[in-house]
């Protein structure tokens, strides 16, 4: 084969390999969450009342009164 043809084929192979790497990286990132949720600092410790705790329990265990 001619040198120019070999160089072109090698360049095409390099581009194919790079595309596969990019595709792999994109697929791996697609499954990851964008941002991890955090409640740090959302509620001050002295702001929580007994009523809030009882309401949260009712919401959390909704539908379990029949057990």
N, C-alpha and C. Protein backbone atom coordinates (compact mmCIF):
# COMPACT_ATOMS: atom_id res chain seq x y z
N UNK A 1 0.83 -1.19 0.00
CA UNK A 1 0.00 0.00 0.00
C UNK A 1 0.86 1.24 0.00
N UNK A 2 0.26 2.27 -0.47
CA UNK A 2 0.94 3.55 -0.51
C UNK A 2 1.00 4.17 0.89
N UNK A 3 2.01 4.94 1.17
CA UNK A 3 2.22 5.54 2.48
C UNK A 3 1.04 6.42 2.89
N UNK A 4 0.51 7.20 1.94
CA UNK A 4 -0.61 8.08 2.26
C UNK A 4 -1.84 7.27 2.67
N UNK A 5 -2.05 6.14 2.00
CA UNK A 5 -3.19 5.27 2.31
C UNK A 5 -3.02 4.67 3.70
N UNK A 6 -1.81 4.20 4.03
CA UNK A 6 -1.55 3.64 5.35
C UNK A 6 -1.76 4.68 6.44
N UNK A 7 -1.29 5.89 6.18
CA UNK A 7 -1.46 6.97 7.17
C UNK A 7 -2.94 7.29 7.37
N UNK A 8 -3.70 7.31 6.29
CA UNK A 8 -5.13 7.60 6.39
C UNK A 8 -5.85 6.50 7.16
N UNK A 9 -5.51 5.24 6.88
CA UNK A 9 -6.13 4.12 7.60
C UNK A 9 -5.78 4.14 9.08
N UNK A 10 -4.53 4.46 9.39
CA UNK A 10 -4.11 4.55 10.78
C UNK A 10 -4.86 5.68 11.49
N UNK A 11 -5.04 6.80 10.81
CA UNK A 11 -5.78 7.94 11.39
C UNK A 11 -7.25 7.57 11.63
N UNK A 12 -7.85 6.83 10.70
CA UNK A 12 -9.23 6.38 10.85
C UNK A 12 -9.34 5.44 12.06
N UNK A 13 -8.41 4.53 12.21
CA UNK A 13 -8.41 3.61 13.36
C UNK A 13 -8.27 4.38 14.67
N UNK A 14 -7.41 5.40 14.68
CA UNK A 14 -7.24 6.22 15.88
C UNK A 14 -8.54 6.96 16.23
N UNK A 15 -9.21 7.48 15.20
CA UNK A 15 -10.47 8.18 15.43
C UNK A 15 -11.56 7.22 15.93
N UNK A 16 -11.60 6.02 15.38
CA UNK A 16 -12.58 5.02 15.84
C UNK A 16 -12.34 4.67 17.30
N UNK A 17 -11.09 4.49 17.66
CA UNK A 17 -10.74 4.17 19.04
C UNK A 17 -11.14 5.31 19.97
N UNK A 18 -10.85 6.54 19.56
CA UNK A 18 -11.22 7.71 20.37
C UNK A 18 -12.73 7.82 20.54
N UNK A 19 -13.48 7.54 19.48
CA UNK A 19 -14.94 7.56 19.57
C UNK A 19 -15.46 6.50 20.53
N UNK A 20 -14.87 5.34 20.52
CA UNK A 20 -15.27 4.28 21.45
C UNK A 20 -14.99 4.69 22.90
N UNK A 21 -13.85 5.33 23.13
CA UNK A 21 -13.53 5.80 24.48
C UNK A 21 -14.54 6.85 24.94
N UNK A 22 -14.87 7.77 24.04
CA UNK A 22 -15.84 8.82 24.38
C UNK A 22 -17.21 8.22 24.67
N UNK A 23 -17.62 7.24 23.84
CA UNK A 23 -18.92 6.60 24.05
C UNK A 23 -18.94 5.88 25.39
N UNK A 24 -17.88 5.17 25.72
CA UNK A 24 -17.80 4.46 26.99
C UNK A 24 -17.89 5.43 28.16
N UNK A 25 -17.15 6.54 28.07
CA UNK A 25 -17.17 7.53 29.15
C UNK A 25 -18.56 8.15 29.31
N UNK A 26 -19.22 8.45 28.21
CA UNK A 26 -20.56 9.03 28.29
C UNK A 26 -21.56 8.05 28.89
N UNK A 27 -21.47 6.79 28.54
CA UNK A 27 -22.39 5.80 29.08
C UNK A 27 -22.15 5.59 30.57
N UNK A 28 -20.91 5.66 31.00
CA UNK A 28 -20.61 5.51 32.43
C UNK A 28 -21.13 6.70 33.21
N UNK A 29 -21.01 7.90 32.67
CA UNK A 29 -21.47 9.10 33.36
C UNK A 29 -22.98 9.20 33.36
N UNK A 30 -23.63 8.61 32.39
CA UNK A 30 -25.08 8.68 32.29
C UNK A 30 -25.75 8.03 33.50
N UNK A 31 -25.18 6.96 34.01
CA UNK A 31 -25.76 6.25 35.14
C UNK A 31 -25.49 6.89 36.48
N UNK A 32 -24.57 7.81 36.55
CA UNK A 32 -24.23 8.44 37.82
C UNK A 32 -25.18 9.59 38.12
N UNK A 33 -25.54 9.75 39.38
CA UNK A 33 -26.37 10.91 39.73
C UNK A 33 -25.57 12.20 39.53
N UNK A 34 -26.28 13.24 39.14
CA UNK A 34 -25.59 14.51 38.90
C UNK A 34 -25.04 15.11 40.18
N UNK A 35 -25.84 15.05 41.23
CA UNK A 35 -25.41 15.63 42.49
C UNK A 35 -25.97 14.80 43.63
N UNK A 36 -25.16 14.53 44.60
CA UNK A 36 -25.63 13.76 45.74
C UNK A 36 -26.43 14.68 46.66
N UNK A 37 -27.62 14.24 47.06
CA UNK A 37 -28.42 15.08 47.94
C UNK A 37 -27.81 15.17 49.34
N UNK A 38 -27.96 16.31 49.94
CA UNK A 38 -27.46 16.52 51.29
C UNK A 38 -28.44 17.39 52.05
N UNK A 39 -28.73 17.01 53.28
CA UNK A 39 -29.61 17.80 54.13
C UNK A 39 -28.82 18.62 55.15
N UNK A 40 -27.53 18.60 55.04
CA UNK A 40 -26.67 19.30 55.99
C UNK A 40 -27.04 20.79 55.99
N UNK A 41 -27.39 21.29 57.14
CA UNK A 41 -27.70 22.71 57.27
C UNK A 41 -29.12 23.08 56.87
N UNK A 42 -29.95 22.11 56.48
CA UNK A 42 -31.31 22.41 56.06
C UNK A 42 -32.20 22.80 57.23
N UNK A 43 -32.00 22.13 58.36
CA UNK A 43 -32.82 22.38 59.55
C UNK A 43 -31.89 22.60 60.73
N UNK A 44 -32.11 23.68 61.44
CA UNK A 44 -31.31 23.94 62.64
C UNK A 44 -31.83 23.05 63.76
N UNK A 45 -30.95 22.56 64.58
CA UNK A 45 -31.31 21.63 65.65
C UNK A 45 -32.35 22.17 66.61
N UNK A 46 -32.29 23.44 66.92
CA UNK A 46 -33.24 23.99 67.88
C UNK A 46 -34.57 24.34 67.24
N UNK A 47 -34.68 24.22 65.90
CA UNK A 47 -35.93 24.53 65.20
C UNK A 47 -36.88 23.34 65.15
N UNK A 48 -36.43 22.15 65.49
CA UNK A 48 -37.26 20.94 65.38
C UNK A 48 -38.12 20.81 66.64
N UNK A 49 -39.42 20.71 66.42
CA UNK A 49 -40.34 20.58 67.55
C UNK A 49 -40.88 19.16 67.61
N UNK A 50 -41.52 18.82 68.72
CA UNK A 50 -42.15 17.51 68.86
C UNK A 50 -43.24 17.31 67.83
N UNK A 51 -43.98 18.38 67.53
CA UNK A 51 -45.04 18.28 66.51
C UNK A 51 -44.46 17.92 65.14
N UNK A 52 -43.32 18.51 64.81
CA UNK A 52 -42.67 18.20 63.54
C UNK A 52 -42.27 16.73 63.48
N UNK A 53 -41.76 16.21 64.59
CA UNK A 53 -41.34 14.81 64.63
C UNK A 53 -42.53 13.89 64.49
N UNK A 54 -43.61 14.19 65.18
CA UNK A 54 -44.82 13.36 65.10
C UNK A 54 -45.42 13.40 63.70
N UNK A 55 -45.45 14.57 63.08
CA UNK A 55 -45.97 14.69 61.72
C UNK A 55 -45.10 13.90 60.73
N UNK A 56 -43.78 13.95 60.91
CA UNK A 56 -42.87 13.21 60.05
C UNK A 56 -43.09 11.70 60.20
N UNK A 57 -43.32 11.25 61.44
CA UNK A 57 -43.59 9.83 61.67
C UNK A 57 -44.87 9.40 60.96
N UNK A 58 -45.90 10.23 61.07
CA UNK A 58 -47.18 9.90 60.41
C UNK A 58 -47.00 9.82 58.90
N UNK A 59 -46.26 10.77 58.33
CA UNK A 59 -46.02 10.75 56.89
C UNK A 59 -45.17 9.55 56.48
N UNK A 60 -44.20 9.23 57.29
CA UNK A 60 -43.29 8.12 56.96
C UNK A 60 -43.99 6.78 57.02
N UNK A 61 -44.82 6.59 58.02
CA UNK A 61 -45.47 5.29 58.21
C UNK A 61 -46.93 5.33 57.79
N UNK A 62 -47.25 6.16 56.83
CA UNK A 62 -48.61 6.29 56.32
C UNK A 62 -49.09 4.94 55.78
N UNK A 63 -50.28 4.52 56.17
CA UNK A 63 -50.84 3.28 55.68
C UNK A 63 -50.50 2.06 56.52
N UNK A 64 -49.74 2.24 57.58
CA UNK A 64 -49.36 1.11 58.41
C UNK A 64 -50.20 1.03 59.69
N UNK A 65 -51.23 1.86 59.79
CA UNK A 65 -52.07 1.85 60.98
C UNK A 65 -52.84 0.52 61.11
N UNK A 66 -53.09 -0.15 60.00
CA UNK A 66 -53.89 -1.37 60.00
C UNK A 66 -53.11 -2.59 60.49
N UNK A 67 -51.84 -2.50 60.62
CA UNK A 67 -51.03 -3.66 61.02
C UNK A 67 -51.13 -3.98 62.46
